[in-house]
């Protein structure tokens, strides 16, 4: 696991009021397969939350 991004593929840095978010220079951008799996997991949790609430959530 990358010590810079801790496996998130995102490098967050800066100081004071200047902050930046960019792809990790060691790992590169997130691979398509990883992104699709995370997106599918998010959508599954979102649909479950909408079902529990019992109404449309936007």
N, C-alpha and C. Protein backbone atom coordinates (compact mmCIF):
# COMPACT_ATOMS: atom_id res chain seq x y z
N UNK A 1 0.85 -1.17 0.00
CA UNK A 1 0.00 0.00 0.00
C UNK A 1 0.89 1.24 0.00
N UNK A 2 0.49 2.20 -0.76
CA UNK A 2 1.24 3.45 -0.89
C UNK A 2 1.19 4.24 0.42
N UNK A 3 2.32 4.74 0.86
CA UNK A 3 2.35 5.52 2.10
C UNK A 3 1.85 6.95 1.90
N UNK A 4 1.88 7.42 0.65
CA UNK A 4 1.43 8.79 0.38
C UNK A 4 -0.10 8.89 0.37
N UNK A 5 -0.76 7.97 -0.36
CA UNK A 5 -2.22 8.07 -0.49
C UNK A 5 -2.96 7.05 0.37
N UNK A 6 -2.26 6.11 0.96
CA UNK A 6 -2.86 5.10 1.82
C UNK A 6 -3.90 4.25 1.07
N UNK A 7 -3.65 4.03 -0.23
CA UNK A 7 -4.53 3.19 -1.02
C UNK A 7 -5.76 3.87 -1.59
N UNK A 8 -5.87 5.19 -1.47
CA UNK A 8 -7.04 5.90 -1.97
C UNK A 8 -6.85 6.45 -3.37
N UNK A 9 -5.63 6.43 -3.88
CA UNK A 9 -5.27 6.97 -5.20
C UNK A 9 -5.40 8.48 -5.26
N UNK A 10 -5.52 9.15 -4.11
CA UNK A 10 -5.69 10.60 -4.06
C UNK A 10 -4.62 11.19 -3.16
N UNK A 11 -3.94 12.22 -3.67
CA UNK A 11 -2.93 12.95 -2.89
C UNK A 11 -3.56 14.27 -2.47
N UNK A 12 -3.68 14.47 -1.16
CA UNK A 12 -4.23 15.71 -0.62
C UNK A 12 -3.11 16.42 0.08
N UNK A 13 -2.91 17.66 -0.24
CA UNK A 13 -1.80 18.38 0.38
C UNK A 13 -2.02 19.87 0.35
N UNK A 14 -0.94 20.59 0.67
CA UNK A 14 -0.99 22.03 0.72
C UNK A 14 -0.75 22.50 2.14
N UNK A 15 -0.84 23.79 2.31
CA UNK A 15 -0.65 24.35 3.65
C UNK A 15 -1.49 25.60 3.79
N UNK A 16 -1.90 25.87 4.98
CA UNK A 16 -2.71 27.06 5.24
C UNK A 16 -4.01 27.02 4.48
N UNK A 17 -4.32 28.10 3.78
CA UNK A 17 -5.57 28.16 3.02
C UNK A 17 -5.43 27.55 1.63
N UNK A 18 -4.22 27.18 1.23
CA UNK A 18 -4.00 26.57 -0.08
C UNK A 18 -4.02 25.06 0.05
N UNK A 19 -5.05 24.42 -0.51
CA UNK A 19 -5.18 22.96 -0.46
C UNK A 19 -5.31 22.45 -1.88
N UNK A 20 -4.82 21.26 -2.13
CA UNK A 20 -4.98 20.66 -3.45
C UNK A 20 -5.32 19.19 -3.30
N UNK A 21 -6.03 18.68 -4.30
CA UNK A 21 -6.39 17.27 -4.39
C UNK A 21 -6.05 16.85 -5.80
N UNK A 22 -5.24 15.81 -5.93
CA UNK A 22 -4.81 15.34 -7.24
C UNK A 22 -4.56 13.85 -7.19
N UNK A 23 -4.46 13.20 -8.37
CA UNK A 23 -4.13 11.77 -8.36
C UNK A 23 -2.76 11.54 -7.72
N UNK A 24 -2.62 10.44 -7.03
CA UNK A 24 -1.36 10.12 -6.35
C UNK A 24 -0.24 10.00 -7.38
N UNK A 25 0.90 10.69 -7.16
CA UNK A 25 2.00 10.59 -8.11
C UNK A 25 2.65 9.20 -8.12
N UNK A 26 2.52 8.44 -7.04
CA UNK A 26 3.10 7.10 -6.99
C UNK A 26 2.19 6.06 -7.63
N UNK A 27 0.90 6.11 -7.34
CA UNK A 27 -0.06 5.10 -7.80
C UNK A 27 -0.72 5.47 -9.12
N UNK A 28 -0.79 6.75 -9.42
CA UNK A 28 -1.50 7.21 -10.61
C UNK A 28 -2.99 7.30 -10.33
N UNK A 29 -3.77 7.59 -11.37
CA UNK A 29 -5.22 7.67 -11.17
C UNK A 29 -5.81 6.31 -10.83
N UNK A 30 -6.99 6.33 -10.24
CA UNK A 30 -7.66 5.10 -9.83
C UNK A 30 -7.99 4.26 -11.07
N UNK A 31 -7.65 2.96 -11.04
CA UNK A 31 -7.99 2.10 -12.18
C UNK A 31 -9.51 2.01 -12.37
N UNK A 32 -9.92 1.83 -13.62
CA UNK A 32 -11.34 1.78 -13.96
C UNK A 32 -12.08 0.69 -13.19
N UNK A 33 -11.48 -0.48 -13.04
CA UNK A 33 -12.13 -1.59 -12.33
C UNK A 33 -12.39 -1.24 -10.87
N UNK A 34 -11.43 -0.60 -10.22
CA UNK A 34 -11.58 -0.21 -8.81
C UNK A 34 -12.68 0.85 -8.69
N UNK A 35 -12.67 1.81 -9.62
CA UNK A 35 -13.68 2.87 -9.57
C UNK A 35 -15.08 2.29 -9.75
N UNK A 36 -15.24 1.38 -10.71
CA UNK A 36 -16.56 0.78 -10.96
C UNK A 36 -17.04 -0.01 -9.75
N UNK A 37 -16.14 -0.74 -9.06
CA UNK A 37 -16.53 -1.50 -7.87
C UNK A 37 -16.97 -0.56 -6.75
N UNK A 38 -16.21 0.51 -6.52
CA UNK A 38 -16.59 1.47 -5.47
C UNK A 38 -17.91 2.15 -5.80
N UNK A 39 -18.12 2.48 -7.08
CA UNK A 39 -19.37 3.11 -7.50
C UNK A 39 -20.55 2.17 -7.31
N UNK A 40 -20.37 0.89 -7.65
CA UNK A 40 -21.43 -0.10 -7.47
C UNK A 40 -21.76 -0.29 -5.99
N UNK A 41 -20.72 -0.32 -5.14
CA UNK A 41 -20.96 -0.44 -3.69
C UNK A 41 -21.72 0.77 -3.16
N UNK A 42 -21.35 1.97 -3.63
CA UNK A 42 -22.03 3.18 -3.19
C UNK A 42 -23.50 3.14 -3.61
N UNK A 43 -23.75 2.79 -4.88
CA UNK A 43 -25.13 2.75 -5.37
C UNK A 43 -25.97 1.74 -4.59
N UNK A 44 -25.37 0.60 -4.25
CA UNK A 44 -26.09 -0.42 -3.47
C UNK A 44 -26.47 0.14 -2.09
N UNK A 45 -25.53 0.80 -1.42
CA UNK A 45 -25.82 1.38 -0.11
C UNK A 45 -26.86 2.49 -0.22
N UNK A 46 -26.77 3.29 -1.29
CA UNK A 46 -27.72 4.39 -1.49
C UNK A 46 -29.13 3.85 -1.70
N UNK A 47 -29.27 2.82 -2.53
CA UNK A 47 -30.58 2.22 -2.77
C UNK A 47 -31.15 1.62 -1.48
N UNK A 48 -30.29 1.01 -0.68
CA UNK A 48 -30.73 0.45 0.60
C UNK A 48 -31.22 1.57 1.53
N UNK A 49 -30.51 2.68 1.55
CA UNK A 49 -30.92 3.81 2.39
C UNK A 49 -32.25 4.37 1.92
N UNK A 50 -32.43 4.48 0.61
CA UNK A 50 -33.71 4.98 0.07
C UNK A 50 -34.84 4.02 0.44
N UNK A 51 -34.58 2.73 0.39
CA UNK A 51 -35.61 1.75 0.75
C UNK A 51 -35.98 1.87 2.21
N UNK A 52 -34.98 2.08 3.08
CA UNK A 52 -35.24 2.21 4.52
C UNK A 52 -36.02 3.47 4.84
N UNK A 53 -35.72 4.54 4.14
CA UNK A 53 -36.42 5.80 4.38
C UNK A 53 -37.85 5.70 3.87
N UNK A 54 -38.04 4.97 2.78
CA UNK A 54 -39.38 4.75 2.25
C UNK A 54 -39.90 5.86 1.38
N UNK A 55 -39.03 6.73 0.93
CA UNK A 55 -39.46 7.78 0.02
C UNK A 55 -38.30 8.12 -0.90
N UNK A 56 -38.58 8.91 -1.88
CA UNK A 56 -37.57 9.28 -2.86
C UNK A 56 -36.55 10.24 -2.22
N UNK A 57 -35.27 9.94 -2.44
CA UNK A 57 -34.20 10.78 -1.93
C UNK A 57 -33.45 11.32 -3.12
N UNK A 58 -33.16 12.61 -3.12
CA UNK A 58 -32.41 13.17 -4.24
C UNK A 58 -31.08 13.72 -3.80
